[in-house]
Every structure is written in C-alpha cells, then in structure tokens.
Protein backbone atom coordinates (compact mmCIF):
# COMPACT_ATOMS: atom_id res chain seq x y z
CA MET A 1 -0.04 -0.11 -0.29
CA VAL A 2 2.79 2.54 0.55
CA ARG A 3 4.15 1.63 -2.06
CA PHE A 4 1.68 2.38 -4.69
CA VAL A 5 0.86 5.45 -2.91
CA CYS A 6 4.43 6.53 -3.34
CA THR A 7 3.76 5.24 -7.28
CA LEU A 8 0.83 7.06 -7.34
CA MET A 9 2.32 10.82 -5.85
CA ALA A 10 5.28 11.04 -7.96
CA PHE A 11 2.92 9.86 -10.98
CA SER A 12 0.88 12.87 -10.01
CA LEU A 13 4.24 15.31 -10.21
CA ILE A 14 5.34 14.39 -13.35
CA THR A 15 2.29 14.80 -14.91
CA THR A 16 1.76 18.33 -13.36
CA THR A 17 4.73 19.62 -14.74
CA SER A 18 4.47 21.03 -18.11
CA THR A 19 5.81 23.46 -20.33
CA PRO A 20 6.19 26.57 -18.85
CA SER A 21 2.65 29.36 -19.40
CA TRP A 22 3.21 32.91 -20.25
CA ALA A 23 1.45 35.63 -18.84
CA ALA A 24 2.77 37.80 -21.87
CA SER A 25 4.78 36.61 -24.89
CA PRO A 26 8.47 35.62 -23.95
CA VAL A 27 10.03 37.36 -27.14
CA GLN A 28 9.18 41.04 -26.52
CA PHE A 29 9.62 43.37 -30.18
CA ASP A 30 9.96 46.86 -30.34
CA VAL A 31 10.42 49.28 -33.04
CA GLY A 32 10.61 53.26 -32.94
CA TYR A 33 7.67 54.93 -34.73
CA LEU A 34 9.26 57.45 -36.99
CA THR A 35 12.27 56.56 -39.87
CA ALA A 36 13.90 59.35 -42.00
CA ALA A 37 14.51 58.17 -45.52
CA ARG A 38 17.75 60.11 -47.02
CA ASP A 39 17.95 60.59 -50.97
CA VAL A 40 20.60 57.96 -53.09
CA THR A 41 19.44 58.67 -56.35
CA SER A 42 21.72 58.34 -59.16
CA PRO A 43 22.05 59.96 -62.54
CA GLU A 44 21.61 56.94 -63.46
CA PHE A 45 18.41 55.31 -61.72
CA LYS A 46 16.68 59.04 -62.04
CA HIS A 47 17.26 58.88 -66.11
CA ALA A 48 15.92 55.14 -66.16
CA ARG A 49 13.25 55.90 -63.87
CA PRO A 50 11.41 59.74 -64.85
CA GLY A 51 9.23 61.11 -61.91
CA TYR A 52 10.99 58.33 -59.48
CA ARG A 53 13.54 58.83 -56.67
CA LEU A 54 15.32 56.32 -54.57
CA LEU A 55 16.17 56.79 -50.63
CA GLN A 56 17.34 54.88 -48.57
CA MET A 57 16.12 54.16 -44.82
CA ASP A 58 17.45 51.46 -42.17
CA VAL A 59 14.71 50.31 -39.76
CA LEU A 60 15.73 48.92 -35.78
CA ILE A 61 14.31 46.18 -34.28
CA SER A 62 15.01 44.82 -31.18
CA THR A 63 14.43 41.66 -29.81
CA MET A 64 14.16 40.82 -26.60
CA VAL A 65 13.96 36.91 -24.68
CA ASP A 66 12.98 35.95 -21.49
CA SER A 67 15.90 33.73 -20.23
CA ARG A 68 14.25 30.64 -20.13
CA ILE A 69 13.72 29.96 -23.44
CA SER A 70 16.63 32.01 -24.29
CA GLU A 71 18.24 28.45 -26.53
CA ASP A 72 14.82 27.84 -27.72
CA LEU A 73 14.18 30.42 -30.26
CA VAL A 74 15.04 28.85 -33.49
CA GLU A 75 13.73 31.82 -35.35
CA THR A 76 12.56 35.11 -36.10
CA THR A 77 10.66 36.90 -39.17
CA PHE A 78 10.14 40.89 -40.17
CA PHE A 79 7.93 41.91 -43.37
CA ILE A 80 8.56 45.87 -43.98
CA GLU A 81 5.41 46.75 -46.06
CA PRO A 82 4.51 50.32 -47.65
CA HIS A 83 1.31 51.16 -47.43
CA ASN A 84 1.41 53.72 -50.10
CA PRO A 85 0.73 51.28 -53.87
CA ARG A 86 3.46 53.44 -55.73
CA ILE A 87 6.15 52.97 -53.79
CA GLN A 88 8.50 49.97 -54.96
CA ILE A 89 11.30 48.26 -53.28
CA GLU A 90 14.77 48.44 -55.11
CA ASP A 91 17.24 46.69 -52.48
CA PHE A 92 17.63 45.66 -48.95
CA SER A 93 20.16 44.12 -46.34
CA PRO A 94 20.87 41.98 -45.38
CA GLN A 95 20.89 39.98 -48.41
CA THR A 96 20.46 35.69 -47.95
CA THR A 97 23.38 34.31 -46.19
CA LEU A 98 24.96 31.31 -45.73
CA GLN A 99 27.38 29.67 -43.01
CA SER A 100 29.36 27.51 -41.86
CA PRO A 101 30.40 26.40 -38.34
CA TYR A 102 34.55 25.66 -39.55
CA ALA A 103 36.79 28.66 -39.79
CA GLY A 104 37.98 27.24 -43.49
CA ASN A 105 37.77 24.63 -45.52
CA ILE A 106 38.05 20.59 -44.79
CA SER A 107 40.99 18.82 -45.95
CA THR A 108 41.14 14.94 -46.47
CA GLU A 109 44.56 13.38 -47.09
CA ASN A 110 44.72 9.80 -48.69
CA ARG A 111 48.01 7.41 -47.85
CA THR A 112 48.97 4.75 -49.74
CA GLU A 113 52.18 2.44 -48.77
CA LEU A 114 53.48 -0.31 -51.09
CA GLU A 115 56.27 -2.69 -49.29
CA LEU A 116 58.15 -5.85 -51.57
CA ASN A 117 59.95 -7.97 -49.88
CA GLY A 118 62.16 -10.26 -51.43
CA LYS A 119 65.14 -12.94 -50.32
CA VAL A 120 66.94 -15.69 -52.22
CA SER A 121 69.10 -18.21 -50.28
CA ALA A 122 72.09 -20.71 -51.35
CA LYS A 123 74.21 -23.24 -49.67
CA ASP A 124 76.72 -25.90 -51.41
CA ALA A 125 79.10 -28.16 -49.90
CA ILE A 126 82.28 -29.42 -51.49
CA THR A 127 82.87 -31.35 -48.96
CA PRO A 128 82.10 -32.69 -45.47
CA THR A 129 84.57 -29.26 -44.21
CA LEU A 130 84.35 -27.33 -46.77
CA GLY A 131 81.34 -25.04 -48.08
CA GLY A 132 79.43 -21.67 -48.83
CA ASP A 133 76.77 -19.77 -48.20
CA ALA A 134 75.04 -16.95 -49.86
CA SER A 135 72.22 -14.84 -49.42
CA VAL A 136 70.33 -11.64 -51.66
CA GLY A 137 67.19 -10.15 -50.32
CA VAL A 138 65.58 -7.01 -52.56
CA THR A 139 63.18 -4.97 -50.31
CA ARG A 140 61.00 -1.87 -52.21
CA LYS A 141 59.06 0.86 -50.25
CA HIS A 142 56.08 2.78 -51.88
CA SER A 143 54.37 5.36 -50.25
CA SER A 144 51.60 8.36 -52.14
CA VAL A 145 49.74 10.71 -50.11
CA GLU A 146 46.67 12.72 -51.75
CA LYS A 147 45.56 15.78 -50.09
CA VAL A 148 42.19 17.04 -51.04
CA ASP A 149 40.20 20.31 -49.10
CA VAL A 150 36.73 20.40 -49.18
CA LEU A 151 34.21 23.06 -48.79
CA PRO A 152 31.92 22.72 -45.65
CA GLU A 153 28.45 22.41 -45.48
CA LEU A 154 26.93 25.69 -45.96
CA LYS A 155 23.96 26.33 -43.38
CA LEU A 156 20.78 29.24 -43.98
CA VAL A 157 21.77 31.89 -41.25
CA ALA A 158 19.38 34.75 -43.27
CA ALA A 159 17.17 34.71 -45.89
CA SER A 160 15.88 37.92 -47.60
CA GLY A 161 13.42 38.52 -50.03
CA THR A 162 10.61 40.57 -51.87
CA ILE A 163 6.84 40.28 -51.92
CA HIS A 164 3.22 41.74 -52.81
CA ARG A 165 5.08 42.21 -56.49
CA GLY A 166 7.83 43.61 -54.66
CA ARG A 167 6.51 46.17 -52.39
CA GLY A 168 7.21 44.87 -49.52
CA VAL A 169 10.24 42.55 -47.94
CA PHE A 170 11.05 40.10 -45.87
CA PHE A 171 14.07 39.02 -43.15
CA ARG A 172 14.21 35.52 -41.81
CA PHE A 173 17.25 34.87 -39.54
CA ASN A 174 17.86 31.40 -38.03
CA ARG A 175 19.66 30.56 -34.94
CA SER A 176 23.26 29.70 -35.71
CA LYS A 177 26.06 29.23 -33.47
CA GLN A 178 28.28 32.08 -34.60
CA THR A 179 24.95 34.59 -34.23
CA SER A 180 22.39 35.72 -31.76
CA LEU A 181 18.67 36.47 -32.47
CA GLU A 182 18.30 38.66 -29.28
CA GLY A 183 19.38 42.68 -29.98
CA THR A 184 19.26 44.93 -32.14
CA THR A 185 18.26 44.25 -35.37
CA ALA A 186 19.12 46.55 -38.27
CA LEU A 187 17.38 46.17 -41.87
CA GLY A 188 18.24 48.71 -44.56
CA ILE A 189 15.81 48.76 -47.88
CA VAL A 190 16.00 50.64 -50.68
CA VAL A 191 13.26 52.29 -52.53
CA ALA A 192 11.77 53.92 -55.52
CA VAL A 193 9.08 56.94 -55.01
CA PRO A 194 7.66 59.67 -56.67
CA GLU A 195 9.65 62.80 -56.98
CA ASN A 196 6.64 64.56 -55.01
CA TRP A 197 6.89 62.28 -51.85
CA SER A 198 8.02 63.06 -48.60
CA ALA A 199 6.16 61.28 -46.12
CA ASP A 200 4.11 58.50 -45.58
CA THR A 201 3.12 55.33 -43.27
CA MET A 202 4.40 50.82 -43.85
CA THR A 203 4.03 47.90 -41.29
CA VAL A 204 6.61 46.36 -39.41
CA ARG A 205 5.44 43.11 -38.63
CA CYS A 206 7.49 40.90 -36.38
CA ARG A 207 7.21 36.86 -35.48
CA ALA A 208 9.11 34.64 -33.83
CA LYS A 209 9.24 30.36 -33.71
CA ILE A 210 10.06 28.98 -30.30
CA ARG A 211 11.03 25.04 -29.28
CA GLN A 212 9.22 23.54 -27.10
CA PRO A 213 8.72 19.74 -25.47
CA VAL A 214 5.84 18.10 -26.17
CA VAL A 215 5.54 16.27 -22.93
CA PRO A 216 8.14 16.57 -20.17
CA GLY A 217 11.31 15.31 -20.94
CA GLY A 218 10.12 14.69 -24.75
CA PRO A 219 10.65 14.95 -28.22
CA THR A 220 9.95 19.31 -28.86
CA LYS A 221 8.13 20.84 -31.86
CA GLU A 222 8.51 24.42 -33.42
CA VAL A 223 5.52 26.39 -32.32
CA ASP A 224 5.51 30.16 -33.99
CA LEU A 225 4.53 33.04 -31.42
CA PRO A 226 1.29 35.59 -31.67
CA GLU A 227 2.32 37.86 -34.74
CA ILE A 228 3.23 41.41 -33.65
CA ARG A 229 2.73 44.50 -35.73
CA TYR A 230 3.84 48.66 -35.48
CA THR A 231 2.72 51.21 -37.95
CA VAL A 232 6.11 53.55 -38.41
CA ALA A 233 5.97 57.00 -40.08
CA THR A 234 8.84 58.04 -43.01
CA TYR A 235 9.41 61.28 -43.73
CA GLN A 236 11.95 62.44 -46.28
CA SER A 237 15.57 63.79 -44.19
CA GLY A 238 15.81 66.75 -43.92
CA ASP A 239 12.39 68.42 -44.39
CA ARG A 240 10.58 69.52 -41.23
CA TYR A 241 6.96 70.05 -42.93
CA ALA A 242 7.28 66.32 -43.46
CA SER A 243 8.81 65.44 -40.00
CA GLN A 244 6.40 67.36 -38.23
CA VAL A 245 3.70 65.53 -40.42
CA ALA A 246 4.35 62.49 -39.58
CA ASP A 247 5.31 62.90 -36.15
CA ARG A 248 1.84 64.17 -35.52
CA TYR A 249 0.10 61.40 -37.42
CA ILE A 250 1.94 59.10 -35.69
CA GLN A 251 0.33 60.30 -32.08
CA GLU A 252 -3.02 61.34 -33.17
CA GLU A 253 -3.09 57.77 -34.26
CA ALA A 254 -1.89 55.96 -30.68
CA ARG A 255 -4.10 58.66 -29.26
CA TRP A 256 -7.40 57.44 -31.18
CA GLN A 257 -6.70 53.69 -30.57
CA SER A 258 -6.11 54.83 -26.99
CA ILE A 259 -9.38 56.56 -26.86
CA GLN A 260 -11.52 53.63 -27.87
CA ARG A 261 -9.63 51.30 -25.40
CA GLU A 262 -11.18 53.59 -23.09
CA TYR A 263 -14.37 54.13 -23.89
CA ALA A 264 -14.88 51.04 -25.28
CA ASP A 265 -16.94 50.16 -22.14
CA GLU A 266 -19.39 53.52 -22.07
CA ILE A 267 -19.77 53.45 -25.67
CA ARG A 268 -21.34 49.81 -25.70
CA ASN A 269 -23.66 50.90 -22.22
CA ARG A 270 -24.35 54.64 -23.93
CA ARG A 271 -28.21 55.33 -24.69
CA HIS A 272 -29.19 57.65 -26.78
CA ASP A 273 -29.72 61.05 -26.38
CA SER A 274 -33.01 60.90 -28.49
CA PRO A 275 -36.36 58.78 -26.93
CA LEU A 276 -36.61 58.61 -31.32
CA ASP A 277 -33.09 57.11 -31.32
CA TYR A 278 -33.47 55.33 -28.13
CA LEU A 279 -36.82 53.61 -29.10
CA THR A 280 -35.63 53.03 -32.58
CA SER A 281 -32.40 51.39 -31.50
CA ILE A 282 -34.42 48.76 -30.05
CA VAL A 283 -36.50 48.42 -33.22
CA ARG A 284 -33.65 48.03 -35.41
CA PRO A 285 -30.40 47.43 -32.95
CA ASP A 286 -28.43 47.02 -36.43
CA ARG A 287 -28.29 50.85 -37.40
CA ALA A 288 -25.65 51.63 -34.45
CA SER A 289 -23.81 48.23 -36.10
CA GLY A 290 -20.12 48.70 -37.14
CA SER A 291 -17.04 50.53 -35.52
CA ILE A 292 -16.39 54.04 -34.96
CA ALA A 293 -15.04 55.33 -37.62
CA GLU A 294 -17.40 53.70 -39.80
CA ARG A 295 -20.63 55.27 -37.85
CA MET A 296 -18.66 58.20 -37.86
CA GLN A 297 -17.86 58.64 -41.49
CA ARG A 298 -21.93 56.97 -41.82
CA SER A 299 -24.20 59.27 -39.97
CA PRO A 300 -21.66 62.33 -38.61
CA GLU A 301 -23.98 63.92 -36.81
CA LYS A 302 -26.04 61.17 -35.42
CA ALA A 303 -22.96 59.81 -34.34
CA SER A 304 -21.37 62.84 -32.60
CA ARG A 305 -24.72 62.94 -30.39
CA GLU A 306 -24.45 59.30 -29.75
CA LEU A 307 -20.76 58.75 -28.67
CA PRO A 308 -18.46 60.93 -25.95
CA SER A 309 -17.02 63.97 -26.88
CA ALA A 310 -13.36 62.96 -26.17
CA VAL A 311 -13.95 59.89 -28.99
CA VAL A 312 -15.56 62.24 -31.78
CA ASP A 313 -12.21 64.79 -30.56
CA ALA A 314 -10.33 62.12 -31.16
CA TYR A 315 -11.69 60.98 -34.29
CA TYR A 316 -11.28 64.12 -36.37
CA ARG A 317 -8.18 65.19 -34.94
CA TYR A 318 -6.87 62.02 -36.34
CA GLN A 319 -8.99 62.70 -39.84
CA GLU A 320 -6.98 66.01 -40.18
CA ALA A 321 -3.57 64.37 -39.59
CA LYS A 322 -4.56 61.43 -41.64
CA SER A 323 -5.53 63.95 -44.73
CA LEU A 324 -1.75 65.99 -44.06
CA LEU A 325 0.42 62.80 -44.20
CA ASP A 326 -1.50 61.66 -47.86
CA SER A 327 -0.93 65.26 -49.10
CA CYS A 328 2.61 64.35 -48.42
CA ASN A 329 2.75 60.88 -50.36
CA GLY A 330 2.89 61.59 -53.34
CA LEU A 331 -0.37 59.85 -54.82
CA ARG A 332 -1.53 63.26 -56.59
CA PRO A 333 -1.40 62.91 -60.24
CA LEU A 334 2.02 64.19 -61.54
CA VAL A 335 2.15 67.66 -63.38
CA ARG A 336 2.75 66.46 -67.16
CA ALA A 337 6.22 68.72 -67.63
CA GLN A 338 7.33 70.06 -71.02
CA VAL A 339 10.03 68.14 -72.87
CA THR A 340 13.23 69.91 -73.44
CA ASP A 341 15.57 66.60 -73.85
CA GLU A 342 17.17 67.36 -77.02
CA THR A 343 16.91 63.34 -77.76
CA ALA A 344 13.05 62.92 -76.30
CA VAL A 345 12.55 65.88 -79.10
CA ALA A 346 15.05 64.25 -81.78
CA ASN A 347 13.39 61.23 -81.33
CA SER A 348 9.65 62.21 -81.48
CA SER A 349 7.89 61.46 -84.77
CA VAL A 350 7.13 64.57 -87.22
CA SER A 351 5.06 65.49 -89.83
CA ILE A 352 5.54 66.56 -93.43
CA ASP A 353 2.48 68.69 -95.08
CA THR A 354 3.07 67.60 -98.49
CA GLN A 355 0.84 70.47 -100.07
CA GLU A 356 1.62 72.46 -102.54
CA LYS A 357 1.92 75.76 -102.09
C-alpha cells in the first residue's frame, strides 16, 4: 500500500509539470515610430525612371528574449510593407547569407603505402668440412599521399526577398552557433518613390518561432508565437514639415486607438440622447452596428450625439492628421512636364506637309 501511494504521488508530480505558461509573449519586439529616409538617387536611375527618386531608410528592430527560453528561440521573421501602392522595393540588406560552422575548408588526406620484400638463399657443400652459404635480399617500398580540400557544408543563417510583387520585403534569421537572435537588428531598404513624395507610413510585422517540448522530457516541436504589428511613419530626411506631419500622424493615431479602448464599455452601454433614437435602436439594433469610424463616416451628426465628446474629438484630430499625411505621399497626379531633352525631341514623330503652295 505504501509503495502504491508513493508511485501515485510520483506520477502526479510528473504529469502536473508542464511547459511554462507565459503571461506575456516570451519574445518581445520594439520598433521606433519614426524613420528618416535619405535621398540616394543616382543619375542613371533618374534617367531610367523619370518621375521617381531613390530613398534609403534603416529600420531598427529590438528583440528581447526571456532568459528561460533563450536557447529555444530558433527563428525570427520581419516584414516591411509600405502602405503606398506606388512605392517599389529596389534593394535591401542583409541579403541571403549562408554560413559554415568551420573557419575554413576541410582537408582530407589519403595515404597509400606499398612494400615488397624478396630474399634468395643458396647453400653448397664441396666436402663435408668445406662449403659456402650465400643470401641475396631485395626490399622495395612505395608511398603516396593525396590531400584534398573539401568545402564545408553551408547552413542558412539569413534569408531575405521581396513580397507583394516587389512592394514589400521580408527578412528571416535562423539561430546558429556564431549568431544571436537577441538584440538590435538593422534592416536597410532602398525604395523608389514618386518625386513629390515627402512622408508616408508602413507596417512592420514581427514573428518568432520557439522550440517547446510536447511533453516534459519528451520530443520537441516548433511553435509560432503571435505576430506583432507596428505602424511606422517615414519622412524625407531634412524636410522639417514632413517630419512634423509624420510625427503628428503617429501621435494622433496612437491617441485615437487609446481613446477607443478607454471608452469602449461606455460606448457599448451608452443610451442615445434622443428618445426616438433610443426607441428606434430597440426595434432596429443593427443601425448602430459597425466600428466607431464607420459610424462617424455613415452619419457624422448622429454619431456625434451618440458617442462621447472625447471620442469624437480624437476621431476628427486623427482624420485631420491623416489628411495632412496623405498630401505628402506622392499619390497626387503628376503635372505633365514640358519635354526639354534634345534626344526626346529628336526621336519624336514628325509630320511633313506635302501640300503645294
């Protein structure tokens, strides 16, 4: 009986010990809300892509890993997706990288040895007391050494490439003995933007994959952690107005999201000011459905009566900041410029009037 109880207690201890549950994600990311873009347009690109410029920007992403799973983080992936459909990814870094765990090439040596021994003996007696003995030996030894340098096996450390038909880029990093996935990662991209571009926004998505045991002490499997998204504003380096517009948009967008969360319960339980609206909402409750932004767009006056004043004010402030940012993203139609290039004029079609005068 005592042995059974002890066995039961040990089994209970093993079964209740499971993979740690995290109150928050064990991998935390952080991205700055503003990124400056500097002009790197070359004369060759300007000639090849009239109406566009090349801008280079660096996105810094910080990764903090819980010490309990620092050895179990196997992969991080980052996506950079500009919101402007006219922006095209032209270049990015780091590029796809392969790495070997060895410092140099691997040398293999094949050694072959061949040895031949021969001996001939002769013995002859002339008389019982007089005779002779002769012996001849031959030894030959051959040795050859073949040394070959073999390239070591390369493993994928970083992979990158474009997505969305060249309108976005991804970066994937794998854990290796020579690199760490924790810390700050610098991602560089070069984009082609309209020549009247000065500010815009983009989304940065961060993913992480960790290795967790299926059962304590058993085999492991790779688990994808929830994706984290950030909105980042970009602006032309050296343009003070564009910097202020981008900064204001981020501030108002964050304030708008915060106000919605703060007044979510009040908005859900708030009664309509007008008795007629209240009775109508009982009969037709679907009229008040939709997000706050949809309600403001559908019927601004009615939504302004139904929603708290702080929410309405935050909405209009956010829309004003968004309108200012939209005026800087280069989506406005370009004015057709007069052709002054002599080559273009020389290659243009010419009509000849053959009418006799």
